Amino acid sequence: MKIIPIFILLAQMFSLASAQNQLSETEKKEGYQLLFNGLDLDGWTGNKTDYVVEEGIIVIYPEKGGGGNLMTEKEFGDFSFKFEFQLTPGGNNGLGIRAPLKGDAAYEGMEIQILDNTAEKYKDLHDYQFHGSVYGVIPAKKGYLKPVGEWNEEEVIAQGDRITVILNGETILEGNIAEASKNGTLDGKPHPGLKNEAGHIGFLGHGDVVRFRNIRIKEL
């Protein structure tokens, strides 16, 4: 049996991690920074049991529990957050923004839905529950997810009360959370986190396999 020297394995691992997670020259000039190095969860806190790193990708597995949150150690207020994600059939996750480390991020912060809209089990959801929506508050346009199993690219921009979600180059949500909630939220529940000026950003597990890579941010 051929034995591959450890330094070659390490070099291959670093090469793959770099290829999966890198800033473009334009992003470097604009001031974006990588939040995930492709090798480990340095800079992240929370559930590091269900969320694991494999071949330059963050994966959450239901057999490991599939729940809990993986959040940035640092807090952010106004920002442009870019990432790539891959859904599995019926996949459900969420992007928590301006969220505390404790409590339900969808209410104590905000949750941007990450969801396989094509799954039969989700056909009767409310509009504000589909992919890209500010959960319970502002619905997103549907029809711009790539087929399940392909990689999607998304940008979430939070600037004051304005939230914008751009999925695969299409703006699917652009709204003002203060205006949208001034007469009550669409789900009829309190969302105190809408008033947060800053908080953690992270992934909110809901019991399904979902993969993430190339996670970067620019503070505004």
C-alpha atoms as a PDB file:
ATOM      1  CA  MET A   1       0.000   0.000   0.000  1.00  0.00           C
ATOM      2  CA  LYS A   2       1.330   3.412  -0.995  1.00  0.00           C
ATOM      3  CA  ILE A   3       1.805   5.782   1.937  1.00  0.00           C
ATOM      4  CA  ILE A   4       1.356   9.486   1.215  1.00  0.00           C
ATOM      5  CA  PRO A   5       3.631  11.700   3.333  1.00  0.00           C
ATOM      6  CA  ILE A   6       1.764  13.827   5.859  1.00  0.00           C
ATOM      7  CA  PHE A   7       3.137  17.074   4.417  1.00  0.00           C
ATOM      8  CA  ILE A   8       1.600  16.203   1.039  1.00  0.00           C
ATOM      9  CA  LEU A   9      -1.773  15.494   2.667  1.00  0.00           C
ATOM     10  CA  LEU A  10      -1.604  18.797   4.528  1.00  0.00           C
ATOM     11  CA  ALA A  11      -0.693  20.648   1.345  1.00  0.00           C
ATOM     12  CA  GLN A  12      -3.656  19.063  -0.453  1.00  0.00           C
ATOM     13  CA  MET A  13      -5.966  19.983   2.417  1.00  0.00           C
ATOM     14  CA  PHE A  14      -4.807  23.615   2.438  1.00  0.00           C
ATOM     15  CA  SER A  15      -5.112  23.795  -1.345  1.00  0.00           C
ATOM     16  CA  LEU A  16      -8.700  22.525  -1.308  1.00  0.00           C
ATOM     17  CA  ALA A  17      -9.687  24.813   1.558  1.00  0.00           C
ATOM     18  CA  SER A  18      -8.207  27.783  -0.299  1.00  0.00           C
ATOM     19  CA  ALA A  19      -9.946  26.889  -3.545  1.00  0.00           C
ATOM     20  CA  GLN A  20     -13.351  26.637  -1.838  1.00  0.00           C
ATOM     21  CA  ASN A  21     -12.960  29.835   0.183  1.00  0.00           C
ATOM     22  CA  GLN A  22     -11.333  32.884  -1.345  1.00  0.00           C
ATOM     23  CA  LEU A  23     -11.905  36.544  -1.988  1.00  0.00           C
ATOM     24  CA  SER A  24     -11.992  37.912  -5.510  1.00  0.00           C
ATOM     25  CA  GLU A  25      -9.645  40.762  -6.342  1.00  0.00           C
ATOM     26  CA  THR A  26     -12.627  43.114  -6.393  1.00  0.00           C
ATOM     27  CA  GLU A  27     -13.741  41.946  -2.947  1.00  0.00           C
ATOM     28  CA  LYS A  28     -10.244  42.469  -1.579  1.00  0.00           C
ATOM     29  CA  LYS A  29     -10.258  46.047  -2.870  1.00  0.00           C
ATOM     30  CA  GLU A  30     -13.733  46.645  -1.439  1.00  0.00           C
ATOM     31  CA  GLY A  31     -12.671  45.495   2.022  1.00  0.00           C
ATOM     32  CA  TYR A  32     -14.314  42.087   2.366  1.00  0.00           C
ATOM     33  CA  GLN A  33     -12.837  39.573   4.794  1.00  0.00           C
ATOM     34  CA  LEU A  34     -13.191  35.802   4.974  1.00  0.00           C
ATOM     35  CA  LEU A  35     -15.118  34.554   8.014  1.00  0.00           C
ATOM     36  CA  PHE A  36     -14.324  30.873   7.374  1.00  0.00           C
ATOM     37  CA  ASN A  37     -10.790  29.663   6.670  1.00  0.00           C
ATOM     38  CA  GLY A  38     -11.890  26.331   5.197  1.00  0.00           C
ATOM     39  CA  LEU A  39      -9.915  24.316   7.740  1.00  0.00           C
ATOM     40  CA  ASP A  40     -11.617  24.703  11.104  1.00  0.00           C
ATOM     41  CA  LEU A  41     -14.220  26.740  12.978  1.00  0.00           C
ATOM     42  CA  ASP A  42     -11.804  29.312  14.345  1.00  0.00           C
ATOM     43  CA  GLY A  43     -13.733  32.556  14.862  1.00  0.00           C
ATOM     44  CA  TRP A  44     -17.038  30.740  15.359  1.00  0.00           C
ATOM     45  CA  THR A  45     -18.889  29.746  18.516  1.00  0.00           C
ATOM     46  CA  GLY A  46     -21.874  27.625  19.452  1.00  0.00           C
ATOM     47  CA  ASN A  47     -22.666  24.153  18.174  1.00  0.00           C
ATOM     48  CA  LYS A  48     -19.375  22.688  16.965  1.00  0.00           C
ATOM     49  CA  THR A  49     -20.652  19.127  17.268  1.00  0.00           C
ATOM     50  CA  ASP A  50     -23.399  19.110  14.634  1.00  0.00           C
ATOM     51  CA  TYR A  51     -21.525  21.558  12.408  1.00  0.00           C
ATOM     52  CA  VAL A  52     -18.289  20.077  11.056  1.00  0.00           C
ATOM     53  CA  VAL A  53     -15.697  21.036   8.456  1.00  0.00           C
ATOM     54  CA  GLU A  54     -15.197  18.683   5.518  1.00  0.00           C
ATOM     55  CA  GLU A  55     -13.029  19.424   2.475  1.00  0.00           C
ATOM     56  CA  GLY A  56     -13.259  23.184   2.880  1.00  0.00           C
ATOM     57  CA  ILE A  57     -16.998  23.179   3.596  1.00  0.00           C
ATOM     58  CA  ILE A  58     -19.124  23.619   6.740  1.00  0.00           C
ATOM     59  CA  VAL A  59     -21.701  20.809   6.934  1.00  0.00           C
ATOM     60  CA  ILE A  60     -24.463  20.172   9.443  1.00  0.00           C
ATOM     61  CA  TYR A  61     -25.621  16.563   9.873  1.00  0.00           C
ATOM     62  CA  PRO A  62     -28.978  15.479  11.344  1.00  0.00           C
ATOM     63  CA  GLU A  63     -27.502  12.237  12.694  1.00  0.00           C
ATOM     64  CA  LYS A  64     -25.301  14.388  14.912  1.00  0.00           C
ATOM     65  CA  GLY A  65     -28.386  16.209  16.163  1.00  0.00           C
ATOM     66  CA  GLY A  66     -28.819  18.591  13.256  1.00  0.00           C
ATOM     67  CA  GLY A  67     -29.854  21.511  15.424  1.00  0.00           C
ATOM     68  CA  GLY A  68     -28.366  24.415  17.287  1.00  0.00           C
ATOM     69  CA  ASN A  69     -26.633  27.505  16.048  1.00  0.00           C
ATOM     70  CA  LEU A  70     -23.138  28.178  14.773  1.00  0.00           C
ATOM     71  CA  MET A  71     -22.447  31.885  15.246  1.00  0.00           C
ATOM     72  CA  THR A  72     -19.604  34.297  14.644  1.00  0.00           C
ATOM     73  CA  GLU A  73     -17.662  35.195  17.760  1.00  0.00           C
ATOM     74  CA  LYS A  74     -17.694  38.810  16.622  1.00  0.00           C
ATOM     75  CA  GLU A  75     -20.791  41.011  16.468  1.00  0.00           C
ATOM     76  CA  PHE A  76     -21.757  43.006  13.380  1.00  0.00           C
ATOM     77  CA  GLY A  77     -24.154  45.893  12.814  1.00  0.00           C
ATOM     78  CA  ASP A  78     -24.330  47.095   9.214  1.00  0.00           C
ATOM     79  CA  PHE A  79     -22.733  44.769   6.697  1.00  0.00           C
ATOM     80  CA  SER A  80     -22.697  42.943   3.392  1.00  0.00           C
ATOM     81  CA  PHE A  81     -22.524  39.196   4.093  1.00  0.00           C
ATOM     82  CA  LYS A  82     -21.842  36.837   1.196  1.00  0.00           C
ATOM     83  CA  PHE A  83     -21.888  33.055   1.261  1.00  0.00           C
ATOM     84  CA  GLU A  84     -22.544  29.969  -0.839  1.00  0.00           C
ATOM     85  CA  PHE A  85     -24.897  27.187   0.245  1.00  0.00           C
ATOM     86  CA  GLN A  86     -25.991  23.781  -1.008  1.00  0.00           C
ATOM     87  CA  LEU A  87     -29.388  22.385  -0.081  1.00  0.00           C
ATOM     88  CA  THR A  88     -30.416  18.743   0.112  1.00  0.00           C
ATOM     89  CA  PRO A  89     -34.025  17.667  -0.637  1.00  0.00           C
ATOM     90  CA  GLY A  90     -36.279  19.341   1.924  1.00  0.00           C
ATOM     91  CA  GLY A  91     -33.296  21.115   3.441  1.00  0.00           C
ATOM     92  CA  ASN A  92     -34.027  23.777   6.051  1.00  0.00           C
ATOM     93  CA  ASN A  93     -31.617  26.102   7.831  1.00  0.00           C
ATOM     94  CA  GLY A  94     -31.463  29.807   8.515  1.00  0.00           C
ATOM     95  CA  LEU A  95     -29.116  32.758   8.629  1.00  0.00           C
ATOM     96  CA  GLY A  96     -29.322  34.564  11.941  1.00  0.00           C
ATOM     97  CA  ILE A  97     -28.270  38.212  11.844  1.00  0.00           C
ATOM     98  CA  ARG A  98     -27.891  40.827  14.615  1.00  0.00           C
ATOM     99  CA  ALA A  99     -28.629  37.954  16.970  1.00  0.00           C
ATOM    100  CA  PRO A 100     -27.606  37.253  20.570  1.00  0.00           C
ATOM    101  CA  LEU A 101     -25.972  33.960  21.454  1.00  0.00           C
ATOM    102  CA  LYS A 102     -28.919  32.927  23.621  1.00  0.00           C
ATOM    103  CA  GLY A 103     -32.605  32.717  22.810  1.00  0.00           C
ATOM    104  CA  ASP A 104     -34.378  32.098  19.502  1.00  0.00           C
ATOM    105  CA  ALA A 105     -32.418  34.012  16.866  1.00  0.00           C
ATOM    106  CA  ALA A 106     -35.517  34.350  14.653  1.00  0.00           C
ATOM    107  CA  TYR A 107     -37.099  36.584  17.299  1.00  0.00           C
ATOM    108  CA  GLU A 108     -34.265  37.835  19.496  1.00  0.00           C
ATOM    109  CA  GLY A 109     -32.385  38.741  16.307  1.00  0.00           C
ATOM    110  CA  MET A 110     -33.549  38.144  12.734  1.00  0.00           C
ATOM    111  CA  GLU A 111     -33.611  34.987  10.648  1.00  0.00           C
ATOM    112  CA  ILE A 112     -33.183  34.982   6.893  1.00  0.00           C
ATOM    113  CA  GLN A 113     -34.692  31.699   5.709  1.00  0.00           C
ATOM    114  CA  ILE A 114     -32.529  29.068   3.983  1.00  0.00           C
ATOM    115  CA  LEU A 115     -34.978  26.528   2.577  1.00  0.00           C
ATOM    116  CA  ASP A 116     -35.684  24.100  -0.267  1.00  0.00           C
ATOM    117  CA  ASN A 117     -38.829  25.826  -1.549  1.00  0.00           C
ATOM    118  CA  THR A 118     -39.528  22.929  -3.954  1.00  0.00           C
ATOM    119  CA  ALA A 119     -40.122  20.342  -1.230  1.00  0.00           C
ATOM    120  CA  GLU A 120     -43.696  19.047  -1.101  1.00  0.00           C
ATOM    121  CA  LYS A 121     -43.762  19.288   2.692  1.00  0.00           C
ATOM    122  CA  TYR A 122     -43.311  23.069   2.472  1.00  0.00           C
ATOM    123  CA  LYS A 123     -46.026  23.802  -0.123  1.00  0.00           C
ATOM    124  CA  ASP A 124     -48.420  25.266   2.468  1.00  0.00           C
ATOM    125  CA  LEU A 125     -46.001  27.578   4.249  1.00  0.00           C
ATOM    126  CA  HIS A 126     -46.769  31.254   4.618  1.00  0.00           C
ATOM    127  CA  ASP A 127     -44.976  33.549   2.169  1.00  0.00           C
ATOM    128  CA  TYR A 128     -42.817  34.921   4.990  1.00  0.00           C
ATOM    129  CA  GLN A 129     -41.440  31.419   5.651  1.00  0.00           C
ATOM    130  CA  PHE A 130     -39.927  30.706   2.228  1.00  0.00           C
ATOM    131  CA  HIS A 131     -36.269  31.055   1.267  1.00  0.00           C
ATOM    132  CA  GLY A 132     -34.766  34.511   1.631  1.00  0.00           C
ATOM    133  CA  SER A 133     -37.587  35.928   3.751  1.00  0.00           C
ATOM    134  CA  VAL A 134     -36.999  37.808   6.967  1.00  0.00           C
ATOM    135  CA  TYR A 135     -38.815  35.147   8.959  1.00  0.00           C
ATOM    136  CA  GLY A 136     -42.234  36.292  10.087  1.00  0.00           C
ATOM    137  CA  VAL A 137     -41.691  39.841   8.859  1.00  0.00           C
ATOM    138  CA  ILE A 138     -40.945  40.331   5.124  1.00  0.00           C
ATOM    139  CA  PRO A 139     -41.555  37.722   2.394  1.00  0.00           C
ATOM    140  CA  ALA A 140     -39.040  37.142  -0.398  1.00  0.00           C
ATOM    141  CA  LYS A 141     -39.655  36.450  -4.077  1.00  0.00           C
ATOM    142  CA  LYS A 142     -39.582  32.774  -5.033  1.00  0.00           C
ATOM    143  CA  GLY A 143     -38.163  31.079  -8.104  1.00  0.00           C
ATOM    144  CA  TYR A 144     -34.458  31.938  -7.989  1.00  0.00           C
ATOM    145  CA  LEU A 145     -32.964  28.965  -6.149  1.00  0.00           C
ATOM    146  CA  LYS A 146     -30.853  26.643  -8.264  1.00  0.00           C
ATOM    147  CA  PRO A 147     -31.930  22.971  -8.458  1.00  0.00           C
ATOM    148  CA  VAL A 148     -31.384  21.092  -5.206  1.00  0.00           C
ATOM    149  CA  GLY A 149     -27.794  19.851  -4.977  1.00  0.00           C
ATOM    150  CA  GLU A 150     -26.301  22.798  -6.863  1.00  0.00           C
ATOM    151  CA  TRP A 151     -24.445  25.603  -5.120  1.00  0.00           C
ATOM    152  CA  ASN A 152     -26.271  28.921  -4.653  1.00  0.00           C
ATOM    153  CA  GLU A 153     -24.651  32.266  -3.949  1.00  0.00           C
ATOM    154  CA  GLU A 154     -26.353  34.776  -1.677  1.00  0.00           C
ATOM    155  CA  GLU A 155     -25.641  38.245  -0.348  1.00  0.00           C
ATOM    156  CA  VAL A 156     -27.466  39.705   2.653  1.00  0.00           C
ATOM    157  CA  ILE A 157     -27.094  43.443   3.177  1.00  0.00           C
ATOM    158  CA  ALA A 158     -28.162  44.985   6.477  1.00  0.00           C
ATOM    159  CA  GLN A 159     -27.943  48.746   6.693  1.00  0.00           C
ATOM    160  CA  GLY A 160     -29.983  50.395   9.415  1.00  0.00           C
ATOM    161  CA  ASP A 161     -33.574  49.225   9.019  1.00  0.00           C
ATOM    162  CA  ARG A 162     -33.078  48.177   5.387  1.00  0.00           C
ATOM    163  CA  ILE A 163     -32.513  44.512   4.588  1.00  0.00           C
ATOM    164  CA  THR A 164     -31.651  43.303   1.088  1.00  0.00           C
ATOM    165  CA  VAL A 165     -31.236  39.702  -0.040  1.00  0.00           C
ATOM    166  CA  ILE A 166     -29.650  38.923  -3.404  1.00  0.00           C
ATOM    167  CA  LEU A 167     -29.843  35.288  -4.529  1.00  0.00           C
ATOM    168  CA  ASN A 168     -27.848  34.135  -7.562  1.00  0.00           C
ATOM    169  CA  GLY A 169     -27.727  37.709  -8.840  1.00  0.00           C
ATOM    170  CA  GLU A 170     -31.442  38.464  -8.341  1.00  0.00           C
ATOM    171  CA  THR A 171     -32.729  40.769  -5.613  1.00  0.00           C
ATOM    172  CA  ILE A 172     -35.410  38.656  -3.933  1.00  0.00           C
ATOM    173  CA  LEU A 173     -36.014  40.873  -0.905  1.00  0.00           C
ATOM    174  CA  GLU A 174     -35.640  44.583  -0.305  1.00  0.00           C
ATOM    175  CA  GLY A 175     -37.487  46.061   2.602  1.00  0.00           C
ATOM    176  CA  ASN A 176     -37.546  48.151   5.744  1.00  0.00           C
ATOM    177  CA  ILE A 177     -38.020  46.112   8.920  1.00  0.00           C
ATOM    178  CA  ALA A 178     -39.291  49.095  10.902  1.00  0.00           C
ATOM    179  CA  GLU A 179     -41.954  49.895   8.308  1.00  0.00           C
ATOM    180  CA  ALA A 180     -42.860  46.225   7.869  1.00  0.00           C
ATOM    181  CA  SER A 181     -43.473  45.740  11.584  1.00  0.00           C
ATOM    182  CA  LYS A 182     -44.928  49.091  12.670  1.00  0.00           C
ATOM    183  CA  ASN A 183     -48.486  47.713  12.671  1.00  0.00           C
ATOM    184  CA  GLY A 184     -47.439  44.261  13.847  1.00  0.00           C
ATOM    185  CA  THR A 185     -45.469  41.501  12.167  1.00  0.00           C
ATOM    186  CA  LEU A 186     -46.932  39.158   9.543  1.00  0.00           C
ATOM    187  CA  ASP A 187     -46.734  36.161  11.878  1.00  0.00           C
ATOM    188  CA  GLY A 188     -48.366  38.123  14.691  1.00  0.00           C
ATOM    189  CA  LYS A 189     -45.499  37.430  17.083  1.00  0.00           C
ATOM    190  CA  PRO A 190     -43.183  39.839  18.907  1.00  0.00           C
ATOM    191  CA  HIS A 191     -39.795  40.284  17.222  1.00  0.00           C
ATOM    192  CA  PRO A 192     -37.765  42.398  19.665  1.00  0.00           C
ATOM    193  CA  GLY A 193     -34.597  41.607  17.707  1.00  0.00           C
ATOM    194  CA  LEU A 194     -35.732  43.865  14.865  1.00  0.00           C
ATOM    195  CA  LYS A 195     -34.530  46.774  16.982  1.00  0.00           C
ATOM    196  CA  ASN A 196     -31.041  45.336  17.527  1.00  0.00           C
ATOM    197  CA  GLU A 197     -28.319  47.547  16.119  1.00  0.00           C
ATOM    198  CA  ALA A 198     -25.738  44.737  16.119  1.00  0.00           C
ATOM    199  CA  GLY A 199     -25.307  41.085  16.973  1.00  0.00           C
ATOM    200  CA  HIS A 200     -23.825  37.803  15.844  1.00  0.00           C
ATOM    201  CA  ILE A 201     -24.268  36.222  12.412  1.00  0.00           C
ATOM    202  CA  GLY A 202     -24.640  32.504  11.991  1.00  0.00           C
ATOM    203  CA  PHE A 203     -26.372  29.391  10.755  1.00  0.00           C
ATOM    204  CA  LEU A 204     -29.474  28.048  12.481  1.00  0.00           C
ATOM    205  CA  GLY A 205     -29.872  24.294  12.236  1.00  0.00           C
ATOM    206  CA  HIS A 206     -33.302  22.732  11.722  1.00  0.00           C
ATOM    207  CA  GLY A 207     -32.436  19.044  11.431  1.00  0.00           C
ATOM    208  CA  ASP A 208     -31.309  18.787   7.797  1.00  0.00           C
ATOM    209  CA  VAL A 209     -28.063  18.410   5.865  1.00  0.00           C
ATOM    210  CA  VAL A 210     -27.010  21.811   4.472  1.00  0.00           C
ATOM    211  CA  ARG A 211     -23.539  22.873   3.329  1.00  0.00           C
ATOM    212  CA  PHE A 212     -21.851  26.288   3.412  1.00  0.00           C
ATOM    213  CA  ARG A 213     -18.641  27.704   1.977  1.00  0.00           C
ATOM    214  CA  ASN A 214     -16.922  30.920   0.860  1.00  0.00           C
ATOM    215  CA  ILE A 215     -18.284  32.993   3.741  1.00  0.00           C
ATOM    216  CA  ARG A 216     -17.155  36.626   3.678  1.00  0.00           C
ATOM    217  CA  ILE A 217     -18.204  39.981   5.048  1.00  0.00           C
ATOM    218  CA  LYS A 218     -17.696  43.707   4.625  1.00  0.00           C
ATOM    219  CA  GLU A 219     -18.712  46.038   7.422  1.00  0.00           C
ATOM    220  CA  LEU A 220     -20.601  49.117   6.215  1.00  0.00           C
END
